[in-house]
Amino acid sequence: QLQLVESGGGLVQSGGSLRLSCAASGFTLDHYAIGWFRQAPGKEREGVICISSSGDSTNYADSVKGRFTISRDGAKNTVYLQMNSLKPEDTAVYYCNAPTPWYDYWGQGTQVTVSS
């Protein structure tokens, strides 16, 4: 079964850190650019960060620059989102996305809650 599965969310205090994982099964993530998105209650889904297929190019939303980083581990077929200096406004469900030529894959999401 071809799918993406996110993990690593949870409850953290403001200023804390979390690392989210996006693991793929059935296809190789290294072949594609991967993005992380988030959706807060009552808000539209927004792009947070993305990484090129080669891993040498990344793009960040202004709101997370200097705090979030993205990386990929080809051996584990996984992309990571390292989130540092978390703020309450980072609270959201986080999704990873792999836009392949044949299908636009999304994971089920993982909840991140940052308490003040």
C-alpha atoms as a PDB file:
ATOM      1  CA  GLN A   1       0.000   0.000   0.000  1.00  0.00           C
ATOM      2  CA  LEU A   2       1.367   3.390  -1.028  1.00  0.00           C
ATOM      3  CA  GLN A   3       1.054   5.875   1.796  1.00  0.00           C
ATOM      4  CA  LEU A   4       2.648   8.513   3.981  1.00  0.00           C
ATOM      5  CA  VAL A   5       2.544   8.295   7.755  1.00  0.00           C
ATOM      6  CA  GLU A   6       3.422  11.190  10.052  1.00  0.00           C
ATOM      7  CA  SER A   7       4.472  10.767  13.656  1.00  0.00           C
ATOM      8  CA  GLY A   8       6.146  12.681  16.448  1.00  0.00           C
ATOM      9  CA  GLY A   9       3.479  15.190  17.361  1.00  0.00           C
ATOM     10  CA  GLY A  10       2.492  15.945  20.909  1.00  0.00           C
ATOM     11  CA  LEU A  11       2.125  18.547  23.613  1.00  0.00           C
ATOM     12  CA  VAL A  12       5.096  20.781  24.326  1.00  0.00           C
ATOM     13  CA  GLN A  13       5.647  23.984  26.244  1.00  0.00           C
ATOM     14  CA  SER A  14       6.437  27.230  24.504  1.00  0.00           C
ATOM     15  CA  GLY A  15      10.135  27.309  23.622  1.00  0.00           C
ATOM     16  CA  GLY A  16      10.346  23.551  23.375  1.00  0.00           C
ATOM     17  CA  SER A  17      11.180  21.294  20.452  1.00  0.00           C
ATOM     18  CA  LEU A  18       9.639  18.433  18.538  1.00  0.00           C
ATOM     19  CA  ARG A  19      10.755  16.345  15.599  1.00  0.00           C
ATOM     20  CA  LEU A  20       8.109  15.111  13.225  1.00  0.00           C
ATOM     21  CA  SER A  21       8.677  12.176  10.898  1.00  0.00           C
ATOM     22  CA  CYS A  22       7.084  11.446   7.553  1.00  0.00           C
ATOM     23  CA  ALA A  23       7.636   7.853   6.492  1.00  0.00           C
ATOM     24  CA  ALA A  24       6.652   6.470   3.106  1.00  0.00           C
ATOM     25  CA  SER A  25       5.686   2.970   2.145  1.00  0.00           C
ATOM     26  CA  GLY A  26       5.317   1.666  -1.374  1.00  0.00           C
ATOM     27  CA  PHE A  27       7.388   4.380  -3.041  1.00  0.00           C
ATOM     28  CA  THR A  28      10.716   6.154  -2.605  1.00  0.00           C
ATOM     29  CA  LEU A  29      10.611   9.634  -1.122  1.00  0.00           C
ATOM     30  CA  ASP A  30      14.052  10.500  -2.470  1.00  0.00           C
ATOM     31  CA  HIS A  31      12.601  10.863  -5.954  1.00  0.00           C
ATOM     32  CA  TYR A  32      10.318  13.739  -5.033  1.00  0.00           C
ATOM     33  CA  ALA A  33      10.163  17.114  -3.395  1.00  0.00           C
ATOM     34  CA  ILE A  34       8.446  16.856  -0.013  1.00  0.00           C
ATOM     35  CA  GLY A  35       6.507  19.493   1.843  1.00  0.00           C
ATOM     36  CA  TRP A  36       5.158  19.966   5.327  1.00  0.00           C
ATOM     37  CA  PHE A  37       1.887  21.798   5.791  1.00  0.00           C
ATOM     38  CA  ARG A  38      -0.175  22.652   8.837  1.00  0.00           C
ATOM     39  CA  GLN A  39      -3.752  23.497   9.610  1.00  0.00           C
ATOM     40  CA  ALA A  40      -4.842  25.253  12.767  1.00  0.00           C
ATOM     41  CA  PRO A  41      -8.464  25.167  13.967  1.00  0.00           C
ATOM     42  CA  GLY A  42     -10.612  27.479  11.903  1.00  0.00           C
ATOM     43  CA  LYS A  43      -7.794  28.273   9.474  1.00  0.00           C
ATOM     44  CA  GLU A  44      -6.818  27.124   6.016  1.00  0.00           C
ATOM     45  CA  ARG A  45      -4.000  24.680   5.470  1.00  0.00           C
ATOM     46  CA  GLU A  46      -0.716  26.497   4.922  1.00  0.00           C
ATOM     47  CA  GLY A  47       2.680  25.512   3.640  1.00  0.00           C
ATOM     48  CA  VAL A  48       5.416  25.444   6.258  1.00  0.00           C
ATOM     49  CA  ILE A  49       8.537  24.112   4.622  1.00  0.00           C
ATOM     50  CA  CYS A  50       9.639  21.985   1.692  1.00  0.00           C
ATOM     51  CA  ILE A  51      12.741  20.226   0.475  1.00  0.00           C
ATOM     52  CA  SER A  52      13.810  19.414  -3.076  1.00  0.00           C
ATOM     53  CA  SER A  53      14.237  15.854  -4.262  1.00  0.00           C
ATOM     54  CA  SER A  54      18.009  16.263  -4.152  1.00  0.00           C
ATOM     55  CA  GLY A  55      17.872  17.696  -0.657  1.00  0.00           C
ATOM     56  CA  ASP A  56      19.995  20.712  -1.568  1.00  0.00           C
ATOM     57  CA  SER A  57      17.193  23.249  -1.675  1.00  0.00           C
ATOM     58  CA  THR A  58      14.653  24.183   0.954  1.00  0.00           C
ATOM     59  CA  ASN A  59      11.966  26.825   1.253  1.00  0.00           C
ATOM     60  CA  TYR A  60      10.454  28.106   4.461  1.00  0.00           C
ATOM     61  CA  ALA A  61       7.437  30.119   5.451  1.00  0.00           C
ATOM     62  CA  ASP A  62       8.539  33.385   7.049  1.00  0.00           C
ATOM     63  CA  SER A  63       6.831  32.383  10.270  1.00  0.00           C
ATOM     64  CA  VAL A  64       9.175  29.418  10.813  1.00  0.00           C
ATOM     65  CA  LYS A  65      12.494  30.679   9.429  1.00  0.00           C
ATOM     66  CA  GLY A  66      15.303  30.155  11.868  1.00  0.00           C
ATOM     67  CA  ARG A  67      13.232  27.746  13.958  1.00  0.00           C
ATOM     68  CA  PHE A  68      12.222  24.840  11.702  1.00  0.00           C
ATOM     69  CA  THR A  69      14.442  22.675   9.535  1.00  0.00           C
ATOM     70  CA  ILE A  70      13.691  19.847   7.154  1.00  0.00           C
ATOM     71  CA  SER A  71      15.878  16.901   6.296  1.00  0.00           C
ATOM     72  CA  ARG A  72      15.630  13.553   4.591  1.00  0.00           C
ATOM     73  CA  ASP A  73      17.027  10.110   5.330  1.00  0.00           C
ATOM     74  CA  GLY A  74      16.987   8.011   2.202  1.00  0.00           C
ATOM     75  CA  ALA A  75      17.954   4.837   4.010  1.00  0.00           C
ATOM     76  CA  LYS A  76      14.856   5.128   6.190  1.00  0.00           C
ATOM     77  CA  ASN A  77      12.675   6.555   3.399  1.00  0.00           C
ATOM     78  CA  THR A  78      11.715   9.301   5.821  1.00  0.00           C
ATOM     79  CA  VAL A  79      11.612  13.088   5.884  1.00  0.00           C
ATOM     80  CA  TYR A  80      11.942  14.948   9.172  1.00  0.00           C
ATOM     81  CA  LEU A  81      10.697  18.290  10.409  1.00  0.00           C
ATOM     82  CA  GLN A  82      12.733  19.594  13.319  1.00  0.00           C
ATOM     83  CA  MET A  83      10.828  22.296  15.158  1.00  0.00           C
ATOM     84  CA  ASN A  84      12.649  24.415  17.728  1.00  0.00           C
ATOM     85  CA  SER A  85      11.608  27.440  19.762  1.00  0.00           C
ATOM     86  CA  LEU A  86       7.998  26.453  19.386  1.00  0.00           C
ATOM     87  CA  LYS A  87       5.315  29.054  19.931  1.00  0.00           C
ATOM     88  CA  PRO A  88       1.621  28.687  20.767  1.00  0.00           C
ATOM     89  CA  GLU A  89       0.807  29.877  17.243  1.00  0.00           C
ATOM     90  CA  ASP A  90       2.550  26.779  15.893  1.00  0.00           C
ATOM     91  CA  THR A  91      -0.296  24.694  17.281  1.00  0.00           C
ATOM     92  CA  ALA A  92      -1.865  22.801  14.385  1.00  0.00           C
ATOM     93  CA  VAL A  93      -2.205  19.460  12.687  1.00  0.00           C
ATOM     94  CA  TYR A  94       0.895  18.907  10.604  1.00  0.00           C
ATOM     95  CA  TYR A  95       0.789  17.025   7.313  1.00  0.00           C
ATOM     96  CA  CYS A  96       3.482  15.886   4.931  1.00  0.00           C
ATOM     97  CA  ASN A  97       2.908  15.912   1.200  1.00  0.00           C
ATOM     98  CA  ALA A  98       4.567  14.085  -1.689  1.00  0.00           C
ATOM     99  CA  PRO A  99       3.333  15.332  -5.062  1.00  0.00           C
ATOM    100  CA  THR A 100       4.275  12.444  -7.332  1.00  0.00           C
ATOM    101  CA  PRO A 101       3.475  12.492 -11.072  1.00  0.00           C
ATOM    102  CA  TRP A 102       0.693   9.954 -10.619  1.00  0.00           C
ATOM    103  CA  TYR A 103      -0.810  10.994  -7.285  1.00  0.00           C
ATOM    104  CA  ASP A 104      -0.655  13.725  -4.672  1.00  0.00           C
ATOM    105  CA  TYR A 105       0.063  11.876  -1.430  1.00  0.00           C
ATOM    106  CA  TRP A 106      -0.878  13.247   1.978  1.00  0.00           C
ATOM    107  CA  GLY A 107      -0.409  11.707   5.368  1.00  0.00           C
ATOM    108  CA  GLN A 108      -3.118  11.530   7.995  1.00  0.00           C
ATOM    109  CA  GLY A 109      -1.590  14.336  10.028  1.00  0.00           C
ATOM    110  CA  THR A 110      -0.081  14.605  13.486  1.00  0.00           C
ATOM    111  CA  GLN A 111      -1.245  17.041  16.151  1.00  0.00           C
ATOM    112  CA  VAL A 112       1.213  19.539  17.590  1.00  0.00           C
ATOM    113  CA  THR A 113       0.057  21.554  20.583  1.00  0.00           C
ATOM    114  CA  VAL A 114       2.229  24.258  22.112  1.00  0.00           C
ATOM    115  CA  SER A 115       1.185  25.539  25.512  1.00  0.00           C
ATOM    116  CA  SER A 116       2.051  29.027  26.698  1.00  0.00           C
END
